[in-house]
Amino acid sequence: MEDSYAQAAVYIGAALAMGMGSVGPAIGQGLIGMKACESMGKHPESSGNIRVTMMMALSLVETSAIYCFIVSLILLFRFG
């Protein structure tokens, strides 16, 4: 009985880590894409530079979601 509570806590913790850890990067990626599109519309001659900078920023933002995914996997496979 006690083991099932611990296993349920691990599953809930993994779900919360993945769910809460994905909200911030999703909002950040949306804002980055929005501002990049606005900048490309205002300055079409520099769209190549803006696109490269946007991709670099998106990759940096995505790393926090990947870290949350790794923590969730560790919780599931090590303690679950």
PDB file of N, CA and C in Angstrom:
ATOM      1  N   MET A   1       0.822  -1.185   0.000  1.00  0.00           N
ATOM      2  CA  MET A   1       0.000   0.000   0.000  1.00  0.00           C
ATOM      3  C   MET A   1       0.869   1.253   0.000  1.00  0.00           C
ATOM      4  N   GLU A   2       1.892   1.278   0.832  1.00  0.00           N
ATOM      5  CA  GLU A   2       2.763   2.435   0.918  1.00  0.00           C
ATOM      6  C   GLU A   2       3.563   2.625  -0.361  1.00  0.00           C
ATOM      7  N   ASP A   3       3.921   1.521  -1.002  1.00  0.00           N
ATOM      8  CA  ASP A   3       4.681   1.588  -2.250  1.00  0.00           C
ATOM      9  C   ASP A   3       3.839   2.190  -3.376  1.00  0.00           C
ATOM     10  N   SER A   4       2.562   1.924  -3.374  1.00  0.00           N
ATOM     11  CA  SER A   4       1.713   2.474  -4.437  1.00  0.00           C
ATOM     12  C   SER A   4       1.587   3.990  -4.310  1.00  0.00           C
ATOM     13  N   TYR A   5       1.599   4.521  -3.079  1.00  0.00           N
ATOM     14  CA  TYR A   5       1.573   5.965  -2.896  1.00  0.00           C
ATOM     15  C   TYR A   5       2.862   6.601  -3.414  1.00  0.00           C
ATOM     16  N   ALA A   6       3.978   5.954  -3.145  1.00  0.00           N
ATOM     17  CA  ALA A   6       5.256   6.483  -3.611  1.00  0.00           C
ATOM     18  C   ALA A   6       5.322   6.455  -5.137  1.00  0.00           C
ATOM     19  N   GLN A   7       4.828   5.376  -5.727  1.00  0.00           N
ATOM     20  CA  GLN A   7       4.835   5.286  -7.188  1.00  0.00           C
ATOM     21  C   GLN A   7       3.886   6.315  -7.801  1.00  0.00           C
ATOM     22  N   ALA A   8       2.758   6.541  -7.174  1.00  0.00           N
ATOM     23  CA  ALA A   8       1.830   7.566  -7.662  1.00  0.00           C
ATOM     24  C   ALA A   8       2.461   8.950  -7.564  1.00  0.00           C
ATOM     25  N   ALA A   9       3.207   9.198  -6.484  1.00  0.00           N
ATOM     26  CA  ALA A   9       3.877  10.483  -6.331  1.00  0.00           C
ATOM     27  C   ALA A   9       4.942  10.690  -7.403  1.00  0.00           C
ATOM     28  N   VAL A  10       5.637   9.617  -7.780  1.00  0.00           N
ATOM     29  CA  VAL A  10       6.639   9.710  -8.841  1.00  0.00           C
ATOM     30  C   VAL A  10       5.969  10.063 -10.161  1.00  0.00           C
ATOM     31  N   TYR A  11       4.862   9.406 -10.470  1.00  0.00           N
ATOM     32  CA  TYR A  11       4.165   9.680 -11.723  1.00  0.00           C
ATOM     33  C   TYR A  11       3.601  11.100 -11.752  1.00  0.00           C
ATOM     34  N   ILE A  12       3.055  11.533 -10.640  1.00  0.00           N
ATOM     35  CA  ILE A  12       2.520  12.896 -10.574  1.00  0.00           C
ATOM     36  C   ILE A  12       3.652  13.916 -10.684  1.00  0.00           C
ATOM     37  N   GLY A  13       4.770  13.638 -10.027  1.00  0.00           N
ATOM     38  CA  GLY A  13       5.920  14.539 -10.115  1.00  0.00           C
ATOM     39  C   GLY A  13       6.476  14.631 -11.525  1.00  0.00           C
ATOM     40  N   ALA A  14       6.541  13.499 -12.220  1.00  0.00           N
ATOM     41  CA  ALA A  14       7.029  13.511 -13.599  1.00  0.00           C
ATOM     42  C   ALA A  14       6.073  14.280 -14.501  1.00  0.00           C
ATOM     43  N   ALA A  15       4.781  14.108 -14.293  1.00  0.00           N
ATOM     44  CA  ALA A  15       3.800  14.827 -15.105  1.00  0.00           C
ATOM     45  C   ALA A  15       3.856  16.324 -14.833  1.00  0.00           C
ATOM     46  N   LEU A  16       3.995  16.697 -13.568  1.00  0.00           N
ATOM     47  CA  LEU A  16       4.089  18.119 -13.241  1.00  0.00           C
ATOM     48  C   LEU A  16       5.376  18.745 -13.773  1.00  0.00           C
ATOM     49  N   ALA A  17       6.470  18.006 -13.687  1.00  0.00           N
ATOM     50  CA  ALA A  17       7.747  18.531 -14.194  1.00  0.00           C
ATOM     51  C   ALA A  17       7.662  18.776 -15.692  1.00  0.00           C
ATOM     52  N   MET A  18       7.057  17.861 -16.412  1.00  0.00           N
ATOM     53  CA  MET A  18       6.949  18.029 -17.854  1.00  0.00           C
ATOM     54  C   MET A  18       5.913  19.086 -18.209  1.00  0.00           C
ATOM     55  N   GLY A  19       4.794  19.094 -17.527  1.00  0.00           N
ATOM     56  CA  GLY A  19       3.741  20.057 -17.849  1.00  0.00           C
ATOM     57  C   GLY A  19       4.115  21.482 -17.509  1.00  0.00           C
ATOM     58  N   MET A  20       4.584  21.686 -16.289  1.00  0.00           N
ATOM     59  CA  MET A  20       4.947  23.039 -15.861  1.00  0.00           C
ATOM     60  C   MET A  20       6.221  23.516 -16.564  1.00  0.00           C
ATOM     61  N   GLY A  21       7.112  22.588 -16.855  1.00  0.00           N
ATOM     62  CA  GLY A  21       8.362  22.961 -17.514  1.00  0.00           C
ATOM     63  C   GLY A  21       8.216  23.243 -18.988  1.00  0.00           C
ATOM     64  N   SER A  22       7.080  22.938 -19.566  1.00  0.00           N
ATOM     65  CA  SER A  22       6.863  23.194 -20.990  1.00  0.00           C
ATOM     66  C   SER A  22       6.111  24.490 -21.247  1.00  0.00           C
ATOM     67  N   VAL A  23       5.493  25.044 -20.226  1.00  0.00           N
ATOM     68  CA  VAL A  23       4.684  26.252 -20.413  1.00  0.00           C
ATOM     69  C   VAL A  23       5.574  27.453 -20.747  1.00  0.00           C
ATOM     70  N   GLY A  24       6.617  27.650 -19.980  1.00  0.00           N
ATOM     71  CA  GLY A  24       7.511  28.795 -20.202  1.00  0.00           C
ATOM     72  C   GLY A  24       8.180  28.772 -21.567  1.00  0.00           C
ATOM     73  N   PRO A  25       8.805  27.649 -21.952  1.00  0.00           N
ATOM     74  CA  PRO A  25       9.410  27.609 -23.280  1.00  0.00           C
ATOM     75  C   PRO A  25       8.404  27.787 -24.417  1.00  0.00           C
ATOM     76  N   ALA A  26       7.189  27.284 -24.244  1.00  0.00           N
ATOM     77  CA  ALA A  26       6.184  27.448 -25.300  1.00  0.00           C
ATOM     78  C   ALA A  26       5.820  28.917 -25.473  1.00  0.00           C
ATOM     79  N   ILE A  27       5.639  29.623 -24.362  1.00  0.00           N
ATOM     80  CA  ILE A  27       5.333  31.057 -24.445  1.00  0.00           C
ATOM     81  C   ILE A  27       6.526  31.821 -25.028  1.00  0.00           C
ATOM     82  N   GLY A  28       7.722  31.461 -24.587  1.00  0.00           N
ATOM     83  CA  GLY A  28       8.928  32.119 -25.099  1.00  0.00           C
ATOM     84  C   GLY A  28       9.118  31.908 -26.587  1.00  0.00           C
ATOM     85  N   GLN A  29       8.873  30.699 -27.062  1.00  0.00           N
ATOM     86  CA  GLN A  29       9.008  30.429 -28.492  1.00  0.00           C
ATOM     87  C   GLN A  29       7.974  31.201 -29.300  1.00  0.00           C
ATOM     88  N   GLY A  30       6.779  31.310 -28.775  1.00  0.00           N
ATOM     89  CA  GLY A  30       5.757  32.086 -29.465  1.00  0.00           C
ATOM     90  C   GLY A  30       6.138  33.556 -29.568  1.00  0.00           C
ATOM     91  N   LEU A  31       6.671  34.103 -28.482  1.00  0.00           N
ATOM     92  CA  LEU A  31       7.087  35.512 -28.497  1.00  0.00           C
ATOM     93  C   LEU A  31       8.271  35.735 -29.445  1.00  0.00           C
ATOM     94  N   ILE A  32       9.206  34.798 -29.457  1.00  0.00           N
ATOM     95  CA  ILE A  32      10.353  34.923 -30.358  1.00  0.00           C
ATOM     96  C   ILE A  32       9.892  34.896 -31.807  1.00  0.00           C
ATOM     97  N   GLY A  33       9.011  33.963 -32.142  1.00  0.00           N
ATOM     98  CA  GLY A  33       8.495  33.887 -33.508  1.00  0.00           C
ATOM     99  C   GLY A  33       7.708  35.126 -33.894  1.00  0.00           C
ATOM    100  N   MET A  34       6.907  35.644 -32.965  1.00  0.00           N
ATOM    101  CA  MET A  34       6.112  36.835 -33.230  1.00  0.00           C
ATOM    102  C   MET A  34       7.006  38.035 -33.526  1.00  0.00           C
ATOM    103  N   LYS A  35       7.991  38.237 -32.681  1.00  0.00           N
ATOM    104  CA  LYS A  35       8.866  39.394 -32.877  1.00  0.00           C
ATOM    105  C   LYS A  35       9.739  39.247 -34.120  1.00  0.00           C
ATOM    106  N   ALA A  36      10.147  38.018 -34.444  1.00  0.00           N
ATOM    107  CA  ALA A  36      10.934  37.812 -35.658  1.00  0.00           C
ATOM    108  C   ALA A  36      10.095  38.114 -36.897  1.00  0.00           C
ATOM    109  N   CYS A  37       8.838  37.694 -36.902  1.00  0.00           N
ATOM    110  CA  CYS A  37       7.965  37.991 -38.042  1.00  0.00           C
ATOM    111  C   CYS A  37       7.716  39.489 -38.167  1.00  0.00           C
ATOM    112  N   GLU A  38       7.540  40.170 -37.043  1.00  0.00           N
ATOM    113  CA  GLU A  38       7.367  41.621 -37.084  1.00  0.00           C
ATOM    114  C   GLU A  38       8.617  42.303 -37.645  1.00  0.00           C
ATOM    115  N   SER A  39       9.774  41.844 -37.220  1.00  0.00           N
ATOM    116  CA  SER A  39      11.020  42.452 -37.687  1.00  0.00           C
ATOM    117  C   SER A  39      11.246  42.185 -39.168  1.00  0.00           C
ATOM    118  N   MET A  40      10.913  40.970 -39.621  1.00  0.00           N
ATOM    119  CA  MET A  40      11.071  40.666 -41.042  1.00  0.00           C
ATOM    120  C   MET A  40      10.107  41.478 -41.893  1.00  0.00           C
ATOM    121  N   GLY A  41       8.921  41.773 -41.343  1.00  0.00           N
ATOM    122  CA  GLY A  41       7.972  42.598 -42.076  1.00  0.00           C
ATOM    123  C   GLY A  41       8.433  44.038 -42.190  1.00  0.00           C
ATOM    124  N   LYS A  42       9.067  44.550 -41.142  1.00  0.00           N
ATOM    125  CA  LYS A  42       9.530  45.943 -41.156  1.00  0.00           C
ATOM    126  C   LYS A  42      10.824  46.104 -41.946  1.00  0.00           C
ATOM    127  N   HIS A  43      11.689  45.073 -41.881  1.00  0.00           N
ATOM    128  CA  HIS A  43      12.994  45.151 -42.536  1.00  0.00           C
ATOM    129  C   HIS A  43      13.214  43.885 -43.379  1.00  0.00           C
ATOM    130  N   PRO A  44      12.588  43.791 -44.536  1.00  0.00           N
ATOM    131  CA  PRO A  44      12.728  42.562 -45.346  1.00  0.00           C
ATOM    132  C   PRO A  44      14.139  42.331 -45.869  1.00  0.00           C
ATOM    133  N   GLU A  45      14.947  43.375 -45.967  1.00  0.00           N
ATOM    134  CA  GLU A  45      16.308  43.204 -46.479  1.00  0.00           C
ATOM    135  C   GLU A  45      17.207  42.459 -45.494  1.00  0.00           C
ATOM    136  N   SER A  46      16.863  42.472 -44.220  1.00  0.00           N
ATOM    137  CA  SER A  46      17.702  41.783 -43.231  1.00  0.00           C
ATOM    138  C   SER A  46      17.011  40.529 -42.684  1.00  0.00           C
ATOM    139  N   SER A  47      16.135  39.942 -43.483  1.00  0.00           N
ATOM    140  CA  SER A  47      15.399  38.769 -42.993  1.00  0.00           C
ATOM    141  C   SER A  47      16.305  37.559 -42.777  1.00  0.00           C
ATOM    142  N   GLY A  48      17.383  37.445 -43.525  1.00  0.00           N
ATOM    143  CA  GLY A  48      18.305  36.329 -43.329  1.00  0.00           C
ATOM    144  C   GLY A  48      18.974  36.366 -41.968  1.00  0.00           C
ATOM    145  N   ASN A  49      19.438  37.543 -41.577  1.00  0.00           N
ATOM    146  CA  ASN A  49      20.065  37.699 -40.264  1.00  0.00           C
ATOM    147  C   ASN A  49      19.062  37.478 -39.138  1.00  0.00           C
ATOM    148  N   ILE A  50      17.855  37.978 -39.335  1.00  0.00           N
ATOM    149  CA  ILE A  50      16.816  37.808 -38.312  1.00  0.00           C
ATOM    150  C   ILE A  50      16.462  36.340 -38.156  1.00  0.00           C
ATOM    151  N   ARG A  51      16.386  35.620 -39.270  1.00  0.00           N
ATOM    152  CA  ARG A  51      16.041  34.194 -39.223  1.00  0.00           C
ATOM    153  C   ARG A  51      17.108  33.391 -38.478  1.00  0.00           C
ATOM    154  N   VAL A  52      18.370  33.692 -38.744  1.00  0.00           N
ATOM    155  CA  VAL A  52      19.458  32.974 -38.065  1.00  0.00           C
ATOM    156  C   VAL A  52      19.420  33.256 -36.559  1.00  0.00           C
ATOM    157  N   THR A  53      19.232  34.509 -36.208  1.00  0.00           N
ATOM    158  CA  THR A  53      19.159  34.879 -34.798  1.00  0.00           C
ATOM    159  C   THR A  53      17.956  34.229 -34.126  1.00  0.00           C
ATOM    160  N   MET A  54      16.832  34.164 -34.847  1.00  0.00           N
ATOM    161  CA  MET A  54      15.637  33.530 -34.298  1.00  0.00           C
ATOM    162  C   MET A  54      15.875  32.051 -34.033  1.00  0.00           C
ATOM    163  N   MET A  55      16.518  31.358 -34.955  1.00  0.00           N
ATOM    164  CA  MET A  55      16.785  29.931 -34.767  1.00  0.00           C
ATOM    165  C   MET A  55      17.717  29.688 -33.585  1.00  0.00           C
ATOM    166  N   MET A  56      18.699  30.555 -33.405  1.00  0.00           N
ATOM    167  CA  MET A  56      19.590  30.404 -32.258  1.00  0.00           C
ATOM    168  C   MET A  56      18.833  30.633 -30.954  1.00  0.00           C
ATOM    169  N   ALA A  57      17.968  31.628 -30.928  1.00  0.00           N
ATOM    170  CA  ALA A  57      17.185  31.899 -29.718  1.00  0.00           C
ATOM    171  C   ALA A  57      16.209  30.763 -29.435  1.00  0.00           C
ATOM    172  N   LEU A  58      15.597  30.216 -30.473  1.00  0.00           N
ATOM    173  CA  LEU A  58      14.665  29.101 -30.272  1.00  0.00           C
ATOM    174  C   LEU A  58      15.376  27.870 -29.716  1.00  0.00           C
ATOM    175  N   SER A  59      16.591  27.619 -30.183  1.00  0.00           N
ATOM    176  CA  SER A  59      17.317  26.459 -29.658  1.00  0.00           C
ATOM    177  C   SER A  59      17.697  26.650 -28.195  1.00  0.00           C
ATOM    178  N   LEU A  60      18.022  27.871 -27.806  1.00  0.00           N
ATOM    179  CA  LEU A  60      18.333  28.129 -26.402  1.00  0.00           C
ATOM    180  C   LEU A  60      17.101  27.992 -25.512  1.00  0.00           C
ATOM    181  N   VAL A  61      15.963  28.448 -25.995  1.00  0.00           N
ATOM    182  CA  VAL A  61      14.731  28.346 -25.211  1.00  0.00           C
ATOM    183  C   VAL A  61      14.300  26.892 -25.082  1.00  0.00           C
ATOM    184  N   GLU A  62      14.516  26.112 -26.129  1.00  0.00           N
ATOM    185  CA  GLU A  62      14.074  24.712 -26.128  1.00  0.00           C
ATOM    186  C   GLU A  62      14.861  23.858 -25.138  1.00  0.00           C
ATOM    187  N   THR A  63      16.069  24.271 -24.783  1.00  0.00           N
ATOM    188  CA  THR A  63      16.873  23.445 -23.883  1.00  0.00           C
ATOM    189  C   THR A  63      16.220  23.279 -22.510  1.00  0.00           C
ATOM    190  N   SER A  64      15.520  24.291 -22.027  1.00  0.00           N
ATOM    191  CA  SER A  64      14.869  24.135 -20.715  1.00  0.00           C
ATOM    192  C   SER A  64      13.752  23.110 -20.769  1.00  0.00           C
ATOM    193  N   ALA A  65      13.033  23.028 -21.878  1.00  0.00           N
ATOM    194  CA  ALA A  65      12.005  21.989 -22.024  1.00  0.00           C
ATOM    195  C   ALA A  65      12.648  20.608 -22.118  1.00  0.00           C
ATOM    196  N   ILE A  66      13.797  20.532 -22.766  1.00  0.00           N
ATOM    197  CA  ILE A  66      14.497  19.249 -22.864  1.00  0.00           C
ATOM    198  C   ILE A  66      15.002  18.815 -21.496  1.00  0.00           C
ATOM    199  N   TYR A  67      15.481  19.755 -20.687  1.00  0.00           N
ATOM    200  CA  TYR A  67      15.907  19.420 -19.326  1.00  0.00           C
ATOM    201  C   TYR A  67      14.742  18.888 -18.502  1.00  0.00           C
ATOM    202  N   CYS A  68      13.585  19.496 -18.637  1.00  0.00           N
ATOM    203  CA  CYS A  68      12.401  18.999 -17.920  1.00  0.00           C
ATOM    204  C   CYS A  68      12.028  17.595 -18.383  1.00  0.00           C
ATOM    205  N   PHE A  69      12.164  17.343 -19.662  1.00  0.00           N
ATOM    206  CA  PHE A  69      11.890  16.009 -20.199  1.00  0.00           C
ATOM    207  C   PHE A  69      12.865  14.985 -19.620  1.00  0.00           C
ATOM    208  N   ILE A  70      14.133  15.354 -19.521  1.00  0.00           N
ATOM    209  CA  ILE A  70      15.138  14.443 -18.969  1.00  0.00           C
ATOM    210  C   ILE A  70      14.854  14.169 -17.493  1.00  0.00           C
ATOM    211  N   VAL A  71      14.481  15.193 -16.741  1.00  0.00           N
ATOM    212  CA  VAL A  71      14.133  15.003 -15.330  1.00  0.00           C
ATOM    213  C   VAL A  71      12.923  14.074 -15.200  1.00  0.00           C
ATOM    214  N   SER A  72      11.945  14.244 -16.062  1.00  0.00           N
ATOM    215  CA  SER A  72      10.771  13.370 -16.030  1.00  0.00           C
ATOM    216  C   SER A  72      11.144  11.924 -16.336  1.00  0.00           C
ATOM    217  N   LEU A  73      12.011  11.734 -17.322  1.00  0.00           N
ATOM    218  CA  LEU A  73      12.445  10.371 -17.639  1.00  0.00           C
ATOM    219  C   LEU A  73      13.228   9.750 -16.492  1.00  0.00           C
ATOM    220  N   ILE A  74      14.074  10.533 -15.846  1.00  0.00           N
ATOM    221  CA  ILE A  74      14.833  10.024 -14.696  1.00  0.00           C
ATOM    222  C   ILE A  74      13.870   9.612 -13.583  1.00  0.00           C
ATOM    223  N   LEU A  75      12.879  10.448 -13.320  1.00  0.00           N
ATOM    224  CA  LEU A  75      11.894  10.106 -12.288  1.00  0.00           C
ATOM    225  C   LEU A  75      11.158   8.815 -12.632  1.00  0.00           C
ATOM    226  N   LEU A  76      10.766   8.684 -13.891  1.00  0.00           N
ATOM    227  CA  LEU A  76       9.985   7.504 -14.277  1.00  0.00           C
ATOM    228  C   LEU A  76      10.823   6.218 -14.267  1.00  0.00           C
ATOM    229  N   PHE A  77      12.023   6.279 -14.823  1.00  0.00           N
ATOM    230  CA  PHE A  77      12.777   5.043 -14.966  1.00  0.00           C
ATOM    231  C   PHE A  77      13.645   4.703 -13.747  1.00  0.00           C
ATOM    232  N   ARG A  78      13.974   5.692 -12.949  1.00  0.00           N
ATOM    233  CA  ARG A  78      14.801   5.410 -11.769  1.00  0.00           C
ATOM    234  C   ARG A  78      13.936   5.096 -10.551  1.00  0.00           C
ATOM    235  N   PHE A  79      12.842   5.817 -10.393  1.00  0.00           N
ATOM    236  CA  PHE A  79      12.021   5.661  -9.190  1.00  0.00           C
ATOM    237  C   PHE A  79      10.658   5.065  -9.473  1.00  0.00           C
ATOM    238  N   GLY A  80      10.250   4.986 -10.727  1.00  0.00           N
ATOM    239  CA  GLY A  80       8.896   4.531 -11.051  1.00  0.00           C
ATOM    240  C   GLY A  80       8.731   3.064 -11.180  1.00  0.00           C
TER     241      GLY A  80
END
